[in-house]
């Protein structure tokens, strides 16, 4: 298979001087990885400077679903390549019509800042850190349920003590914490968006019955 990697890394002096590339999304692999096609080449793109929960981790399915919503198959994106990882993937910042997708995922709690590689994103470092601080303060997504960093999860180093006490949270909302017996709430009353809903849904967040609450 022809690879966009050749275009990005063999025809330019270094990733630091790589020009933005317009591409079409072909599929989403997980919450921080997608495949694209451009100029007859294909590539797997790892989103730079962020780390999304793994597929088997709390919040992983929601992160994947959100990236699918932001960059659906067939949509156009702009890739700013910044590095190449050990798996041969292009590492890049992704932009859609609404702006920086990497920052958006962090701000919505679907990914955290990957501080070990933050120097790869000099143009968006502060935006990423501000977005993460806001998501953490609002306890949304990753910060509302699964506080084991994805890298630790990949290496089997998650401690059960890093997880919030779910007995203090309504089981209808497994990735966020809505205290049981809360007064009736509507979506404008909570900071969470696009979260899974299971069971009885006492607050009626999942109005269309598709298993996700407060979409949009």
Protein backbone atom coordinates (compact mmCIF):
# COMPACT_ATOMS: atom_id res chain seq x y z
CA UNK A 1 0.00 0.00 0.00
CA UNK A 2 1.30 3.42 -0.87
CA UNK A 3 1.86 5.49 2.23
CA UNK A 4 1.36 9.18 2.89
CA UNK A 5 4.31 8.73 5.24
CA UNK A 6 6.63 8.81 2.23
CA UNK A 7 5.14 12.10 1.12
CA UNK A 8 5.44 13.68 4.55
CA UNK A 9 8.85 12.42 5.61
CA UNK A 10 10.87 11.63 2.51
CA UNK A 11 10.12 14.78 0.54
CA UNK A 12 10.80 17.22 3.39
CA UNK A 13 14.02 17.91 5.33
CA UNK A 14 12.50 17.24 8.77
CA UNK A 15 9.08 16.99 10.47
CA UNK A 16 9.73 20.36 12.13
CA UNK A 17 9.59 21.99 8.68
CA UNK A 18 6.78 19.89 7.29
CA UNK A 19 4.04 21.79 5.52
CA UNK A 20 0.36 21.23 6.38
CA UNK A 21 -1.28 18.52 4.28
CA UNK A 22 -4.93 18.44 3.23
CA UNK A 23 -6.36 14.95 3.58
CA UNK A 24 -9.58 12.95 3.65
CA UNK A 25 -10.41 10.81 6.67
CA UNK A 26 -10.94 7.16 5.79
CA UNK A 27 -11.45 5.62 9.25
CA UNK A 28 -11.04 6.11 12.99
CA UNK A 29 -8.89 3.58 14.83
CA UNK A 30 -9.38 4.79 18.40
CA UNK A 31 -9.62 8.01 20.39
CA UNK A 32 -6.29 9.41 19.19
CA UNK A 33 -5.58 7.58 15.93
CA UNK A 34 -7.13 7.83 12.47
CA UNK A 35 -6.30 6.92 8.90
CA UNK A 36 -6.35 9.39 6.04
CA UNK A 37 -5.79 9.56 2.31
CA UNK A 38 -4.14 12.38 0.38
CA UNK A 39 -2.56 12.73 -3.06
CA UNK A 40 -2.86 9.01 -3.67
CA UNK A 41 -1.19 8.03 -0.41
CA UNK A 42 -2.60 6.53 2.79
CA UNK A 43 -1.35 6.93 6.35
CA UNK A 44 -2.14 6.27 9.95
CA UNK A 45 -2.05 9.49 11.97
CA UNK A 46 -1.40 9.53 15.71
CA UNK A 47 -2.71 12.76 17.23
CA UNK A 48 0.21 14.71 18.67
CA UNK A 49 0.69 15.67 22.32
CA UNK A 50 -2.46 13.98 23.62
CA UNK A 51 -3.31 10.52 24.94
CA UNK A 52 -6.83 9.11 24.86
CA UNK A 53 -8.09 6.26 27.06
CA UNK A 54 -7.52 2.84 25.54
CA UNK A 55 -10.39 0.87 24.01
CA UNK A 56 -10.57 -1.45 27.02
CA UNK A 57 -10.36 1.40 29.50
CA UNK A 58 -13.15 3.52 30.94
CA UNK A 59 -13.81 6.36 28.50
CA UNK A 60 -12.06 4.66 25.59
CA UNK A 61 -15.19 3.92 23.57
CA UNK A 62 -16.46 7.45 24.18
CA UNK A 63 -13.16 8.97 23.01
CA UNK A 64 -13.31 6.94 19.81
CA UNK A 65 -16.90 7.91 19.22
CA UNK A 66 -16.14 11.60 19.74
CA UNK A 67 -13.24 11.52 17.27
CA UNK A 68 -15.60 9.86 14.79
CA UNK A 69 -18.02 12.75 15.29
CA UNK A 70 -15.35 15.42 14.89
CA UNK A 71 -13.63 13.80 11.89
CA UNK A 72 -16.12 11.44 10.25
CA UNK A 73 -15.03 9.20 7.39
CA UNK A 74 -15.07 11.21 4.18
CA UNK A 75 -14.50 14.55 5.87
CA UNK A 76 -11.60 16.87 5.05
CA UNK A 77 -8.91 17.65 7.60
CA UNK A 78 -5.60 19.47 7.67
CA UNK A 79 -2.63 17.62 9.15
CA UNK A 80 0.39 19.42 10.56
CA UNK A 81 2.99 16.64 10.95
CA UNK A 82 5.37 17.07 13.89
CA UNK A 83 7.13 13.71 14.27
CA UNK A 84 7.21 10.02 13.40
CA UNK A 85 6.66 7.47 16.15
CA UNK A 86 8.36 4.13 16.72
CA UNK A 87 5.55 2.34 14.87
CA UNK A 88 6.16 4.40 11.74
CA UNK A 89 3.03 6.49 12.15
CA UNK A 90 2.85 10.16 11.34
CA UNK A 91 2.33 12.15 14.55
CA UNK A 92 0.40 15.31 13.85
CA UNK A 93 -1.96 18.05 14.88
CA UNK A 94 -5.34 17.72 13.17
CA UNK A 95 -7.55 20.63 12.19
CA UNK A 96 -11.13 20.49 10.93
CA UNK A 97 -13.50 23.32 10.06
CA UNK A 98 -13.94 24.13 13.75
CA UNK A 99 -10.26 24.32 14.68
CA UNK A 100 -7.72 22.17 16.50
CA UNK A 101 -9.15 18.68 17.05
CA UNK A 102 -6.39 17.68 19.48
CA UNK A 103 -7.26 20.60 21.79
CA UNK A 104 -10.98 19.93 21.42
CA UNK A 105 -10.63 16.32 22.60
CA UNK A 106 -8.64 17.40 25.65
CA UNK A 107 -11.08 20.19 26.48
CA UNK A 108 -14.01 17.78 26.38
CA UNK A 109 -12.28 15.28 28.64
CA UNK A 110 -11.81 12.63 25.95
CA UNK A 111 -8.01 12.80 26.13
CA UNK A 112 -5.29 14.13 28.40
CA UNK A 113 -2.15 16.08 27.60
CA UNK A 114 0.76 13.75 26.84
CA UNK A 115 3.35 15.81 28.67
CA UNK A 116 6.27 13.60 27.67
CA UNK A 117 5.79 14.73 24.07
CA UNK A 118 4.38 18.20 24.62
CA UNK A 119 7.42 19.86 23.04
CA UNK A 120 6.17 18.51 19.70
CA UNK A 121 3.33 21.06 19.79
CA UNK A 122 4.92 24.46 20.43
CA UNK A 123 2.05 26.28 18.75
CA UNK A 124 -0.66 24.71 20.89
CA UNK A 125 1.06 23.84 24.19
CA UNK A 126 -0.73 26.48 26.22
CA UNK A 127 -4.09 25.77 24.57
CA UNK A 128 -3.74 22.09 25.45
CA UNK A 129 -2.80 22.80 29.05
CA UNK A 130 -5.63 25.29 29.51
CA UNK A 131 -8.12 22.86 27.96
CA UNK A 132 -6.99 20.07 30.27
CA UNK A 133 -7.15 22.30 33.35
CA UNK A 134 -10.73 23.26 32.50
CA UNK A 135 -11.81 19.65 31.86
CA UNK A 136 -10.20 18.58 35.13
CA UNK A 137 -11.88 21.38 37.07
CA UNK A 138 -15.25 20.46 35.58
CA UNK A 139 -14.63 16.72 36.20
CA UNK A 140 -15.75 15.74 32.73
CA UNK A 141 -14.90 12.64 30.71
CA UNK A 142 -11.61 11.13 31.83
CA UNK A 143 -11.48 13.39 34.88
CA UNK A 144 -14.96 12.42 36.01
CA UNK A 145 -14.45 8.68 36.03
CA UNK A 146 -11.12 7.08 35.08
CA UNK A 147 -8.07 8.80 36.50
CA UNK A 148 -5.54 6.15 35.49
CA UNK A 149 -3.39 7.65 32.70
CA UNK A 150 -3.71 5.71 29.43
CA UNK A 151 0.03 5.06 29.38
CA UNK A 152 -0.18 3.44 32.83
CA UNK A 153 -3.17 1.39 31.68
CA UNK A 154 -1.21 0.12 28.67
CA UNK A 155 1.53 -1.12 30.99
CA UNK A 156 -0.87 -2.66 33.51
CA UNK A 157 0.04 -0.15 36.20
CA UNK A 158 -3.43 1.10 37.12
CA UNK A 159 -4.27 0.93 40.79
CA UNK A 160 -7.90 0.48 41.77
CA UNK A 161 -7.38 3.33 44.21
CA UNK A 162 -6.99 5.74 41.29
CA UNK A 163 -10.63 5.15 40.34
CA UNK A 164 -13.37 7.20 41.99
CA UNK A 165 -15.76 5.48 44.37
CA UNK A 166 -18.57 4.56 42.01
CA UNK A 167 -20.87 3.92 44.97
CA UNK A 168 -21.04 7.70 45.21
CA UNK A 169 -22.21 7.99 41.60
CA UNK A 170 -25.42 7.00 39.82
CA UNK A 171 -24.76 3.74 37.89
CA UNK A 172 -26.85 4.99 34.97
CA UNK A 173 -23.89 7.21 34.00
CA UNK A 174 -20.77 4.99 34.16
CA UNK A 175 -18.17 7.49 32.90
CA UNK A 176 -19.26 10.58 34.85
CA UNK A 177 -20.28 11.09 38.43
CA UNK A 178 -23.84 12.24 39.07
CA UNK A 179 -24.61 11.65 42.76
CA UNK A 180 -27.57 9.36 43.42
CA UNK A 181 -30.75 11.06 44.52
CA UNK A 182 -29.71 14.37 42.95
CA UNK A 183 -32.59 16.74 42.20
CA UNK A 184 -33.85 16.41 38.64
CA UNK A 185 -31.22 17.71 36.22
CA UNK A 186 -31.30 18.71 32.57
CA UNK A 187 -28.35 18.84 30.16
CA UNK A 188 -27.76 22.59 30.69
CA UNK A 189 -27.32 21.84 34.40
CA UNK A 190 -24.27 19.60 33.91
CA UNK A 191 -20.90 20.18 32.17
CA UNK A 192 -20.79 16.72 30.60
CA UNK A 193 -21.50 15.92 26.93
CA UNK A 194 -21.67 12.74 24.83
CA UNK A 195 -21.52 10.38 27.81
CA UNK A 196 -22.90 6.82 27.87
CA UNK A 197 -26.23 6.20 29.57
CA UNK A 198 -27.19 2.79 30.93
CA UNK A 199 -30.30 1.53 32.66
CA UNK A 200 -33.02 3.74 34.01
CA UNK A 201 -31.55 7.22 33.23
CA UNK A 202 -33.36 9.04 36.06
CA UNK A 203 -32.54 12.49 34.66
CA UNK A 204 -33.60 11.74 31.09
CA UNK A 205 -30.29 12.84 29.60
CA UNK A 206 -30.63 10.30 26.75
CA UNK A 207 -33.66 11.82 25.08
CA UNK A 208 -33.32 9.93 21.79
CA UNK A 209 -32.61 6.56 23.41
CA UNK A 210 -29.34 5.90 21.57
CA UNK A 211 -27.35 5.18 24.74
CA UNK A 212 -25.60 8.55 24.96
CA UNK A 213 -26.63 11.59 26.95
CA UNK A 214 -26.48 15.33 26.28
CA UNK A 215 -25.14 14.94 22.74
CA UNK A 216 -23.98 17.92 20.77
